[in-house]
Amino acid sequence: MNYDAIVLTGGSARRLGGADKAGLVVGGRTLGQRVAAALDGASRLVVVGPRPAGFPARTVTTCESPPGGGPVAAVAAGMAHVIAPTVAVLAVDLPFVTAEAVTALREALGTASGAIPVDDDGRDQPLCSVWRSAALRAALDAMGTPAGASMRRLLATVAPIVRLRGLPGTWFDCDTPADIAAAQAQARA
């Protein structure tokens, strides 16, 4: 199944002192390199925000409107460049996402509109997900102007969604110095 991928690299990273999340190193590789490796099978990569060093030539770079409009606005900007019938959506701050996890989400999609992992506390993790492109476009269109909209609101407009357990750590994101330290410790273990 052919798929494209959207990687969200924007955001202010306030809790990390404004650091470039894509350039943070965990286990000898940057977060950008880790996410790019997980999406190696994608036909096209669409980066929304600054393009991380080392992303492949097939990468398209864009920005949400307005800049800083949040993840839904970023997904909407990325979808303008998606061609494939399915699309993976990943934040760049996922140190443990793997190609196997993306494949598991793609396979779980089946005939549903979206497939997302659920964390250990039962919360949806939509910034590590796979969608039918048409369903995601329709949901974004139904929301109107997505600036400032929450990913929960987006999820509420799409059905059916497959919620996948059994992808431990795939959804772990690095938002704080403590998260980076925990990821580095786990990568060393």
N, C-alpha and C. Protein backbone atom coordinates (compact mmCIF):
# COMPACT_ATOMS: atom_id res chain seq x y z
N MET A 1 0.85 -1.18 0.00
CA MET A 1 0.00 0.00 0.00
C MET A 1 0.89 1.24 0.00
N ASN A 2 0.78 2.05 -1.02
CA ASN A 2 1.51 3.28 -1.16
C ASN A 2 1.08 4.28 -0.08
N TYR A 3 2.05 4.98 0.52
CA TYR A 3 1.68 6.00 1.49
C TYR A 3 2.66 7.16 1.47
N ASP A 4 2.17 8.33 1.86
CA ASP A 4 2.99 9.51 2.08
C ASP A 4 3.08 9.72 3.58
N ALA A 5 3.91 10.66 3.99
CA ALA A 5 4.04 10.94 5.42
C ALA A 5 4.19 12.44 5.65
N ILE A 6 3.57 12.90 6.72
CA ILE A 6 3.70 14.28 7.18
C ILE A 6 4.47 14.24 8.49
N VAL A 7 5.52 15.04 8.57
CA VAL A 7 6.31 15.16 9.80
C VAL A 7 6.18 16.58 10.31
N LEU A 8 5.70 16.72 11.53
CA LEU A 8 5.52 18.03 12.14
C LEU A 8 6.78 18.42 12.90
N THR A 9 7.47 19.45 12.43
CA THR A 9 8.73 19.89 13.05
C THR A 9 8.63 21.27 13.66
N GLY A 10 7.49 21.93 13.51
CA GLY A 10 7.34 23.28 14.04
C GLY A 10 7.05 23.24 15.52
N GLY A 11 6.54 24.30 16.02
CA GLY A 11 6.26 24.40 17.44
C GLY A 11 7.37 25.15 18.14
N SER A 12 7.04 25.74 19.25
CA SER A 12 8.01 26.60 19.92
C SER A 12 8.91 25.87 20.90
N ALA A 13 8.59 24.65 21.27
CA ALA A 13 9.39 23.87 22.22
C ALA A 13 9.69 24.69 23.47
N ARG A 14 8.68 25.39 23.97
CA ARG A 14 8.86 26.26 25.15
C ARG A 14 9.42 25.51 26.34
N ARG A 15 8.93 24.29 26.57
CA ARG A 15 9.39 23.53 27.74
C ARG A 15 10.81 23.01 27.56
N LEU A 16 11.35 23.14 26.35
CA LEU A 16 12.74 22.76 26.09
C LEU A 16 13.59 24.00 25.80
N GLY A 17 13.10 25.15 26.24
CA GLY A 17 13.85 26.38 26.06
C GLY A 17 13.98 26.79 24.61
N GLY A 18 13.02 26.38 23.76
CA GLY A 18 13.05 26.75 22.35
C GLY A 18 13.99 25.92 21.50
N ALA A 19 14.47 24.81 22.02
CA ALA A 19 15.40 23.94 21.28
C ALA A 19 14.77 23.41 20.01
N ASP A 20 15.62 23.13 19.03
CA ASP A 20 15.20 22.47 17.80
C ASP A 20 15.05 20.99 18.12
N LYS A 21 13.80 20.53 18.28
CA LYS A 21 13.58 19.14 18.68
C LYS A 21 14.18 18.15 17.69
N ALA A 22 14.10 18.45 16.41
CA ALA A 22 14.62 17.52 15.39
C ALA A 22 16.11 17.28 15.55
N GLY A 23 16.83 18.25 16.10
CA GLY A 23 18.27 18.12 16.25
C GLY A 23 18.72 17.52 17.57
N LEU A 24 17.80 17.26 18.49
CA LEU A 24 18.17 16.66 19.77
C LEU A 24 18.61 15.21 19.55
N VAL A 25 19.63 14.80 20.27
CA VAL A 25 20.23 13.48 20.07
C VAL A 25 19.78 12.52 21.17
N VAL A 26 19.31 11.35 20.73
CA VAL A 26 18.93 10.26 21.62
C VAL A 26 19.56 8.99 21.05
N GLY A 27 20.37 8.33 21.84
CA GLY A 27 20.97 7.08 21.38
C GLY A 27 21.85 7.24 20.15
N GLY A 28 22.56 8.36 20.05
CA GLY A 28 23.51 8.57 18.95
C GLY A 28 22.89 9.06 17.65
N ARG A 29 21.58 9.26 17.61
CA ARG A 29 20.91 9.78 16.41
C ARG A 29 19.99 10.91 16.81
N THR A 30 19.81 11.87 15.91
CA THR A 30 18.88 12.96 16.20
C THR A 30 17.45 12.44 16.12
N LEU A 31 16.55 13.18 16.75
CA LEU A 31 15.13 12.80 16.66
C LEU A 31 14.67 12.86 15.20
N GLY A 32 15.17 13.84 14.44
CA GLY A 32 14.83 13.90 13.02
C GLY A 32 15.27 12.66 12.27
N GLN A 33 16.48 12.18 12.54
CA GLN A 33 16.98 10.96 11.89
C GLN A 33 16.13 9.75 12.27
N ARG A 34 15.73 9.68 13.52
CA ARG A 34 14.93 8.55 13.98
C ARG A 34 13.57 8.51 13.28
N VAL A 35 12.91 9.67 13.19
CA VAL A 35 11.60 9.72 12.54
C VAL A 35 11.74 9.44 11.03
N ALA A 36 12.77 10.01 10.41
CA ALA A 36 13.00 9.75 8.97
C ALA A 36 13.19 8.25 8.72
N ALA A 37 13.93 7.58 9.60
CA ALA A 37 14.16 6.14 9.44
C ALA A 37 12.85 5.36 9.57
N ALA A 38 11.97 5.80 10.47
CA ALA A 38 10.68 5.12 10.64
C ALA A 38 9.80 5.26 9.41
N LEU A 39 10.05 6.32 8.62
CA LEU A 39 9.23 6.60 7.43
C LEU A 39 9.97 6.29 6.14
N ASP A 40 10.97 5.45 6.21
CA ASP A 40 11.79 5.13 5.04
C ASP A 40 10.95 4.58 3.88
N GLY A 41 9.85 3.92 4.18
CA GLY A 41 9.01 3.34 3.13
C GLY A 41 8.02 4.31 2.51
N ALA A 42 7.94 5.53 3.00
CA ALA A 42 6.99 6.50 2.45
C ALA A 42 7.42 6.95 1.06
N SER A 43 6.45 7.13 0.18
CA SER A 43 6.73 7.62 -1.16
C SER A 43 7.18 9.07 -1.13
N ARG A 44 6.57 9.85 -0.26
CA ARG A 44 6.87 11.28 -0.16
C ARG A 44 6.83 11.68 1.30
N LEU A 45 7.79 12.49 1.70
CA LEU A 45 7.78 13.07 3.04
C LEU A 45 7.42 14.54 2.91
N VAL A 46 6.49 14.98 3.74
CA VAL A 46 6.11 16.39 3.79
C VAL A 46 6.46 16.88 5.19
N VAL A 47 7.42 17.79 5.26
CA VAL A 47 7.81 18.37 6.54
C VAL A 47 7.06 19.69 6.70
N VAL A 48 6.38 19.83 7.81
CA VAL A 48 5.69 21.08 8.11
C VAL A 48 6.47 21.75 9.22
N GLY A 49 7.21 22.78 8.84
CA GLY A 49 8.12 23.46 9.75
C GLY A 49 9.52 23.37 9.19
N PRO A 50 10.52 23.65 10.01
CA PRO A 50 11.90 23.58 9.52
C PRO A 50 12.27 22.15 9.09
N ARG A 51 12.95 22.04 7.95
CA ARG A 51 13.37 20.72 7.45
C ARG A 51 14.60 20.26 8.23
N PRO A 52 14.50 19.08 8.88
CA PRO A 52 15.64 18.57 9.62
C PRO A 52 16.80 18.19 8.70
N ALA A 53 18.00 18.34 9.20
CA ALA A 53 19.19 17.94 8.44
C ALA A 53 19.10 16.46 8.11
N GLY A 54 19.51 16.12 6.89
CA GLY A 54 19.59 14.73 6.50
C GLY A 54 18.30 14.11 6.00
N PHE A 55 17.21 14.88 5.90
CA PHE A 55 15.98 14.30 5.35
C PHE A 55 16.18 14.04 3.86
N PRO A 56 15.59 12.97 3.33
CA PRO A 56 15.83 12.58 1.94
C PRO A 56 15.33 13.60 0.91
N ALA A 57 15.81 13.44 -0.31
CA ALA A 57 15.50 14.37 -1.40
C ALA A 57 14.01 14.42 -1.72
N ARG A 58 13.27 13.35 -1.44
CA ARG A 58 11.85 13.33 -1.77
C ARG A 58 11.02 14.18 -0.79
N THR A 59 11.68 14.89 0.10
CA THR A 59 11.00 15.70 1.11
C THR A 59 10.50 17.02 0.53
N VAL A 60 9.24 17.33 0.82
CA VAL A 60 8.63 18.62 0.50
C VAL A 60 8.54 19.37 1.83
N THR A 61 8.87 20.65 1.82
CA THR A 61 8.81 21.45 3.05
C THR A 61 7.75 22.53 2.90
N THR A 62 6.94 22.70 3.96
CA THR A 62 5.91 23.73 3.96
C THR A 62 5.76 24.26 5.37
N CYS A 63 4.82 25.18 5.57
CA CYS A 63 4.57 25.76 6.88
C CYS A 63 3.07 25.94 7.06
N GLU A 64 2.61 25.80 8.29
CA GLU A 64 1.19 26.01 8.56
C GLU A 64 0.85 27.49 8.48
N SER A 65 -0.43 27.73 8.29
CA SER A 65 -0.91 29.10 8.23
C SER A 65 -2.05 29.26 9.24
N PRO A 66 -1.88 30.16 10.19
CA PRO A 66 -0.73 31.01 10.41
C PRO A 66 0.40 30.22 11.06
N PRO A 67 1.66 30.69 10.90
CA PRO A 67 2.76 30.04 11.60
C PRO A 67 2.46 29.98 13.11
N GLY A 68 2.73 28.84 13.69
CA GLY A 68 2.42 28.65 15.10
C GLY A 68 0.96 28.32 15.35
N GLY A 69 0.22 27.96 14.28
CA GLY A 69 -1.21 27.67 14.38
C GLY A 69 -1.55 26.35 15.05
N GLY A 70 -0.55 25.56 15.40
CA GLY A 70 -0.80 24.30 16.10
C GLY A 70 -0.77 23.10 15.19
N PRO A 71 -0.88 21.91 15.79
CA PRO A 71 -0.73 20.67 15.02
C PRO A 71 -1.82 20.44 13.98
N VAL A 72 -3.05 20.84 14.23
CA VAL A 72 -4.11 20.62 13.23
C VAL A 72 -3.84 21.50 12.02
N ALA A 73 -3.45 22.74 12.25
CA ALA A 73 -3.11 23.63 11.14
C ALA A 73 -1.91 23.08 10.38
N ALA A 74 -0.97 22.49 11.09
CA ALA A 74 0.21 21.89 10.44
C ALA A 74 -0.19 20.68 9.60
N VAL A 75 -1.06 19.84 10.13
CA VAL A 75 -1.54 18.68 9.36
C VAL A 75 -2.26 19.16 8.10
N ALA A 76 -3.09 20.19 8.24
CA ALA A 76 -3.80 20.74 7.07
C ALA A 76 -2.81 21.23 6.02
N ALA A 77 -1.75 21.92 6.44
CA ALA A 77 -0.74 22.41 5.50
C ALA A 77 -0.04 21.24 4.82
N GLY A 78 0.27 20.20 5.57
CA GLY A 78 0.91 19.04 4.99
C GLY A 78 0.04 18.30 4.01
N MET A 79 -1.25 18.22 4.30
CA MET A 79 -2.17 17.50 3.41
C MET A 79 -2.25 18.13 2.02
N ALA A 80 -1.93 19.39 1.90
CA ALA A 80 -1.94 20.04 0.58
C ALA A 80 -0.90 19.42 -0.36
N HIS A 81 0.04 18.66 0.18
CA HIS A 81 1.12 18.06 -0.61
C HIS A 81 1.05 16.53 -0.66
N VAL A 82 0.04 15.96 -0.04
CA VAL A 82 -0.09 14.49 0.00
C VAL A 82 -0.79 14.02 -1.27
N ILE A 83 -0.21 13.00 -1.89
CA ILE A 83 -0.74 12.42 -3.13
C ILE A 83 -1.28 11.01 -2.89
N ALA A 84 -0.62 10.26 -2.03
CA ALA A 84 -0.94 8.85 -1.81
C ALA A 84 -2.31 8.67 -1.14
N PRO A 85 -2.90 7.49 -1.27
CA PRO A 85 -4.21 7.24 -0.67
C PRO A 85 -4.18 7.15 0.86
N THR A 86 -3.01 6.90 1.43
CA THR A 86 -2.88 6.89 2.88
C THR A 86 -1.71 7.78 3.28
N VAL A 87 -1.78 8.27 4.51
CA VAL A 87 -0.75 9.18 5.00
C VAL A 87 -0.45 8.89 6.47
N ALA A 88 0.83 8.83 6.79
CA ALA A 88 1.26 8.73 8.19
C ALA A 88 1.50 10.15 8.68
N VAL A 89 1.12 10.43 9.92
CA VAL A 89 1.35 11.73 10.54
C VAL A 89 2.16 11.49 11.80
N LEU A 90 3.37 12.06 11.82
CA LEU A 90 4.25 11.90 12.98
C LEU A 90 4.81 13.24 13.43
N ALA A 91 4.87 13.43 14.74
CA ALA A 91 5.62 14.55 15.29
C ALA A 91 7.09 14.17 15.24
N VAL A 92 7.97 15.16 15.16
CA VAL A 92 9.40 14.88 15.04
C VAL A 92 10.03 14.49 16.38
N ASP A 93 9.28 14.60 17.47
CA ASP A 93 9.87 14.36 18.79
C ASP A 93 9.59 12.96 19.34
N LEU A 94 9.48 11.97 18.45
CA LEU A 94 9.19 10.59 18.84
C LEU A 94 10.46 9.74 18.74
N PRO A 95 11.22 9.59 19.82
CA PRO A 95 12.50 8.90 19.73
C PRO A 95 12.41 7.40 19.47
N PHE A 96 11.27 6.79 19.77
CA PHE A 96 11.19 5.34 19.68
C PHE A 96 10.21 4.85 18.61
N VAL A 97 9.75 5.73 17.75
CA VAL A 97 8.91 5.29 16.65
C VAL A 97 9.79 4.52 15.67
N THR A 98 9.24 3.47 15.10
CA THR A 98 10.01 2.61 14.19
C THR A 98 9.22 2.36 12.91
N ALA A 99 9.92 1.88 11.91
CA ALA A 99 9.25 1.49 10.67
C ALA A 99 8.25 0.37 10.94
N GLU A 100 8.57 -0.52 11.87
CA GLU A 100 7.66 -1.61 12.22
C GLU A 100 6.37 -1.07 12.84
N ALA A 101 6.47 -0.03 13.65
CA ALA A 101 5.28 0.57 14.26
C ALA A 101 4.42 1.23 13.19
N VAL A 102 5.06 1.93 12.26
CA VAL A 102 4.31 2.56 11.16
C VAL A 102 3.62 1.49 10.33
N THR A 103 4.32 0.39 10.06
CA THR A 103 3.72 -0.72 9.31
C THR A 103 2.54 -1.31 10.08
N ALA A 104 2.69 -1.48 11.39
CA ALA A 104 1.59 -2.03 12.20
C ALA A 104 0.37 -1.12 12.13
N LEU A 105 0.57 0.19 12.17
CA LEU A 105 -0.55 1.13 12.06
C LEU A 105 -1.17 1.06 10.67
N ARG A 106 -0.33 0.97 9.64
CA ARG A 106 -0.85 0.88 8.26
C ARG A 106 -1.67 -0.39 8.08
N GLU A 107 -1.19 -1.49 8.64
CA GLU A 107 -1.92 -2.76 8.51
C GLU A 107 -3.20 -2.74 9.33
N ALA A 108 -3.18 -2.09 10.49
CA ALA A 108 -4.37 -2.01 11.34
C ALA A 108 -5.45 -1.14 10.71
N LEU A 109 -5.06 -0.22 9.83
CA LEU A 109 -6.00 0.71 9.22
C LEU A 109 -7.14 -0.03 8.54
N GLY A 110 -6.84 -1.11 7.82
CA GLY A 110 -7.90 -1.87 7.16
C GLY A 110 -8.79 -0.95 6.34
N THR A 111 -10.08 -0.98 6.61
CA THR A 111 -11.03 -0.11 5.90
C THR A 111 -11.43 1.10 6.74
N ALA A 112 -10.79 1.29 7.89
CA ALA A 112 -11.11 2.42 8.76
C ALA A 112 -10.58 3.73 8.17
N SER A 113 -10.94 4.82 8.79
CA SER A 113 -10.47 6.14 8.36
C SER A 113 -9.11 6.48 8.94
N GLY A 114 -8.84 5.98 10.14
CA GLY A 114 -7.57 6.28 10.79
C GLY A 114 -7.17 5.17 11.73
N ALA A 115 -5.87 5.11 12.02
CA ALA A 115 -5.33 4.15 13.00
C ALA A 115 -4.34 4.91 13.87
N ILE A 116 -4.56 4.84 15.18
CA ILE A 116 -3.70 5.56 16.12
C ILE A 116 -3.33 4.65 17.28
N PRO A 117 -2.12 4.84 17.81
CA PRO A 117 -1.77 4.08 19.00
C PRO A 117 -2.43 4.69 20.24
N VAL A 118 -2.60 3.86 21.23
CA VAL A 118 -3.13 4.28 22.53
C VAL A 118 -2.03 4.04 23.54
N ASP A 119 -1.75 5.04 24.38
CA ASP A 119 -0.66 4.89 25.34
C ASP A 119 -1.08 4.01 26.52
N ASP A 120 -0.16 3.83 27.44
CA ASP A 120 -0.40 2.94 28.58
C ASP A 120 -1.54 3.40 29.47
N ASP A 121 -1.87 4.69 29.41
CA ASP A 121 -2.98 5.22 30.22
C ASP A 121 -4.29 5.27 29.44
N GLY A 122 -4.30 4.71 28.22
CA GLY A 122 -5.52 4.67 27.42
C GLY A 122 -5.79 5.92 26.62
N ARG A 123 -4.82 6.84 26.53
CA ARG A 123 -5.02 8.08 25.77
C ARG A 123 -4.61 7.89 24.31
N ASP A 124 -5.42 8.47 23.42
CA ASP A 124 -5.09 8.47 21.99
C ASP A 124 -3.82 9.27 21.76
N GLN A 125 -3.01 8.83 20.78
CA GLN A 125 -1.77 9.53 20.43
C GLN A 125 -1.79 9.85 18.93
N PRO A 126 -2.57 10.85 18.53
CA PRO A 126 -2.76 11.13 17.11
C PRO A 126 -1.56 11.69 16.37
N LEU A 127 -0.52 12.11 17.10
CA LEU A 127 0.67 12.60 16.39
C LEU A 127 1.65 11.47 16.10
N CYS A 128 1.11 10.27 16.08
CA CYS A 128 1.80 9.06 15.62
C CYS A 128 0.69 8.19 15.03
N SER A 129 0.28 8.49 13.80
CA SER A 129 -0.95 7.88 13.28
C SER A 129 -0.87 7.65 11.77
N VAL A 130 -1.83 6.89 11.27
CA VAL A 130 -1.96 6.63 9.84
C VAL A 130 -3.43 6.86 9.47
N TRP A 131 -3.65 7.50 8.31
CA TRP A 131 -4.99 7.91 7.90
C TRP A 131 -5.25 7.58 6.44
N ARG A 132 -6.50 7.39 6.11
CA ARG A 132 -6.92 7.44 4.71
C ARG A 132 -6.89 8.92 4.35
N SER A 133 -6.18 9.26 3.31
CA SER A 133 -6.00 10.67 2.94
C SER A 133 -7.33 11.38 2.73
N ALA A 134 -8.26 10.73 2.04
CA ALA A 134 -9.56 11.34 1.78
C ALA A 134 -10.32 11.62 3.07
N ALA A 135 -10.27 10.70 4.02
CA ALA A 135 -10.98 10.88 5.29
C ALA A 135 -10.36 12.02 6.10
N LEU A 136 -9.04 12.11 6.10
CA LEU A 136 -8.38 13.18 6.85
C LEU A 136 -8.67 14.54 6.21
N ARG A 137 -8.65 14.60 4.88
CA ARG A 137 -9.00 15.86 4.19
C ARG A 137 -10.43 16.28 4.51
N ALA A 138 -11.35 15.33 4.47
CA ALA A 138 -12.76 15.63 4.75
C ALA A 138 -12.92 16.14 6.18
N ALA A 139 -12.22 15.54 7.12
CA ALA A 139 -12.30 15.98 8.52
C ALA A 139 -11.75 17.39 8.67
N LEU A 140 -10.63 17.67 8.01
CA LEU A 140 -10.06 19.01 8.08
C LEU A 140 -10.99 20.03 7.43
N ASP A 141 -11.58 19.67 6.30
CA ASP A 141 -12.53 20.57 5.64
C ASP A 141 -13.74 20.85 6.53
N ALA A 142 -14.21 19.83 7.22
CA ALA A 142 -15.38 19.99 8.09
C ALA A 142 -15.08 20.91 9.27
N MET A 143 -13.81 20.96 9.67
CA MET A 143 -13.43 21.82 10.79
C MET A 143 -13.32 23.28 10.39
N GLY A 144 -13.21 23.56 9.10
CA GLY A 144 -13.02 24.95 8.67
C GLY A 144 -11.59 25.38 8.94
N THR A 145 -11.41 26.58 9.43
CA THR A 145 -10.07 27.10 9.72
C THR A 145 -9.50 26.35 10.93
N PRO A 146 -8.43 25.57 10.73
CA PRO A 146 -7.95 24.73 11.83
C PRO A 146 -7.00 25.41 12.81
N ALA A 147 -6.62 26.67 12.59
CA ALA A 147 -5.65 27.31 13.49
C ALA A 147 -6.14 27.25 14.93
N GLY A 148 -5.29 26.72 15.79
CA GLY A 148 -5.61 26.62 17.21
C GLY A 148 -6.48 25.44 17.58
N ALA A 149 -6.99 24.70 16.60
CA ALA A 149 -7.86 23.55 16.89
C ALA A 149 -7.04 22.42 17.51
N SER A 150 -7.69 21.65 18.35
CA SER A 150 -7.00 20.54 19.02
C SER A 150 -7.08 19.27 18.19
N MET A 151 -6.12 18.41 18.40
CA MET A 151 -6.14 17.10 17.75
C MET A 151 -7.33 16.29 18.24
N ARG A 152 -7.76 16.47 19.48
CA ARG A 152 -8.95 15.77 19.98
C ARG A 152 -10.18 16.16 19.17
N ARG A 153 -10.28 17.45 18.83
CA ARG A 153 -11.41 17.90 18.01
C ARG A 153 -11.37 17.25 16.64
N LEU A 154 -10.16 17.15 16.07
CA LEU A 154 -10.02 16.49 14.78
C LEU A 154 -10.46 15.03 14.88
N LEU A 155 -10.00 14.33 15.91
CA LEU A 155 -10.38 12.93 16.09
C LEU A 155 -11.88 12.76 16.19
N ALA A 156 -12.55 13.72 16.80
CA ALA A 156 -14.00 13.63 16.98
C ALA A 156 -14.76 13.73 15.65
N THR A 157 -14.09 14.22 14.60
CA THR A 157 -14.78 14.37 13.31
C THR A 157 -14.50 13.22 12.35
N VAL A 158 -13.70 12.25 12.77
CA VAL A 158 -13.31 11.15 11.89
C VAL A 158 -13.81 9.83 12.47
N ALA A 159 -14.41 9.00 11.63
CA ALA A 159 -14.84 7.68 12.08
C ALA A 159 -14.87 6.75 10.88
N PRO A 160 -14.62 5.50 11.07
CA PRO A 160 -14.14 4.88 12.29
C PRO A 160 -12.62 5.03 12.43
N ILE A 161 -12.18 4.97 13.68
CA ILE A 161 -10.75 5.01 13.98
C ILE A 161 -10.38 3.72 14.71
N VAL A 162 -9.33 3.08 14.27
CA VAL A 162 -8.79 1.90 14.94
C VAL A 162 -7.82 2.40 16.00
N ARG A 163 -8.01 1.96 17.22
CA ARG A 163 -7.11 2.32 18.31
C ARG A 163 -6.27 1.10 18.63
N LEU A 164 -4.97 1.24 18.47
CA LEU A 164 -4.06 0.11 18.54
C LEU A 164 -3.23 0.13 19.82
N ARG A 165 -3.33 -0.93 20.56
CA ARG A 165 -2.46 -1.11 21.74
C ARG A 165 -1.33 -2.05 21.33
N GLY A 166 -0.35 -2.17 22.18
CA GLY A 166 0.73 -3.10 21.90
C GLY A 166 1.86 -2.50 21.10
N LEU A 167 1.96 -1.18 21.07
CA LEU A 167 3.09 -0.51 20.44
C LEU A 167 3.83 0.28 21.52
N PRO A 168 4.39 -0.41 22.51
CA PRO A 168 4.96 0.28 23.66
C PRO A 168 6.04 1.28 23.25
N GLY A 169 5.93 2.47 23.81
CA GLY A 169 6.94 3.49 23.60
C GLY A 169 6.88 4.22 22.28
N THR A 170 6.19 3.67 21.30
CA THR A 170 6.12 4.30 19.98
C THR A 170 5.65 5.74 20.08
N TRP A 171 4.71 6.00 20.95
CA TRP A 171 4.06 7.29 21.09
C TRP A 171 4.78 8.21 22.06
N PHE A 172 5.82 7.73 22.74
CA PHE A 172 6.54 8.56 23.72
C PHE A 172 7.14 9.76 23.02
N ASP A 173 6.82 10.97 23.50
CA ASP A 173 7.36 12.17 22.87
C ASP A 173 8.21 12.95 23.87
N CYS A 174 9.09 13.77 23.33
CA CYS A 174 10.05 14.51 24.14
C CYS A 174 9.66 15.98 24.17
N ASP A 175 8.98 16.38 25.25
CA ASP A 175 8.53 17.75 25.41
C ASP A 175 9.30 18.53 26.46
N THR A 176 10.01 17.82 27.34
CA THR A 176 10.70 18.47 28.45
C THR A 176 12.13 17.91 28.57
N PRO A 177 13.00 18.61 29.30
CA PRO A 177 14.33 18.04 29.56
C PRO A 177 14.26 16.67 30.23
N ALA A 178 13.27 16.47 31.10
CA ALA A 178 13.12 15.17 31.75
C ALA A 178 12.77 14.08 30.73
N ASP A 179 11.95 14.42 29.74
CA ASP A 179 11.61 13.46 28.68
C ASP A 179 12.86 13.08 27.88
N ILE A 180 13.68 14.06 27.54
CA ILE A 180 14.93 13.78 26.81
C ILE A 180 15.83 12.90 27.64
N ALA A 181 15.98 13.21 28.92
CA ALA A 181 16.83 12.39 29.81
C ALA A 181 16.30 10.96 29.89
N ALA A 182 14.99 10.81 30.00
CA ALA A 182 14.40 9.46 30.08
C ALA A 182 14.63 8.71 28.77
N ALA A 183 14.48 9.39 27.63
CA ALA A 183 14.70 8.74 26.33
C ALA A 183 16.16 8.34 26.19
N GLN A 184 17.07 9.21 26.60
CA GLN A 184 18.49 8.88 26.51
C GLN A 184 18.84 7.68 27.41
N ALA A 185 18.27 7.64 28.59
CA ALA A 185 18.52 6.51 29.50
C ALA A 185 17.96 5.23 28.90
N GLN A 186 16.76 5.29 28.32
CA GLN A 186 16.17 4.11 27.72
C GLN A 186 16.98 3.65 26.51
N ALA A 187 17.47 4.59 25.71
CA ALA A 187 18.27 4.23 24.54
C ALA A 187 19.59 3.55 24.96
N ARG A 188 20.14 3.96 26.08
CA ARG A 188 21.37 3.33 26.58
C ARG A 188 21.13 1.94 27.12
N ALA A 189 19.91 1.69 27.63
CA ALA A 189 19.60 0.41 28.31
C ALA A 189 19.55 -0.75 27.34
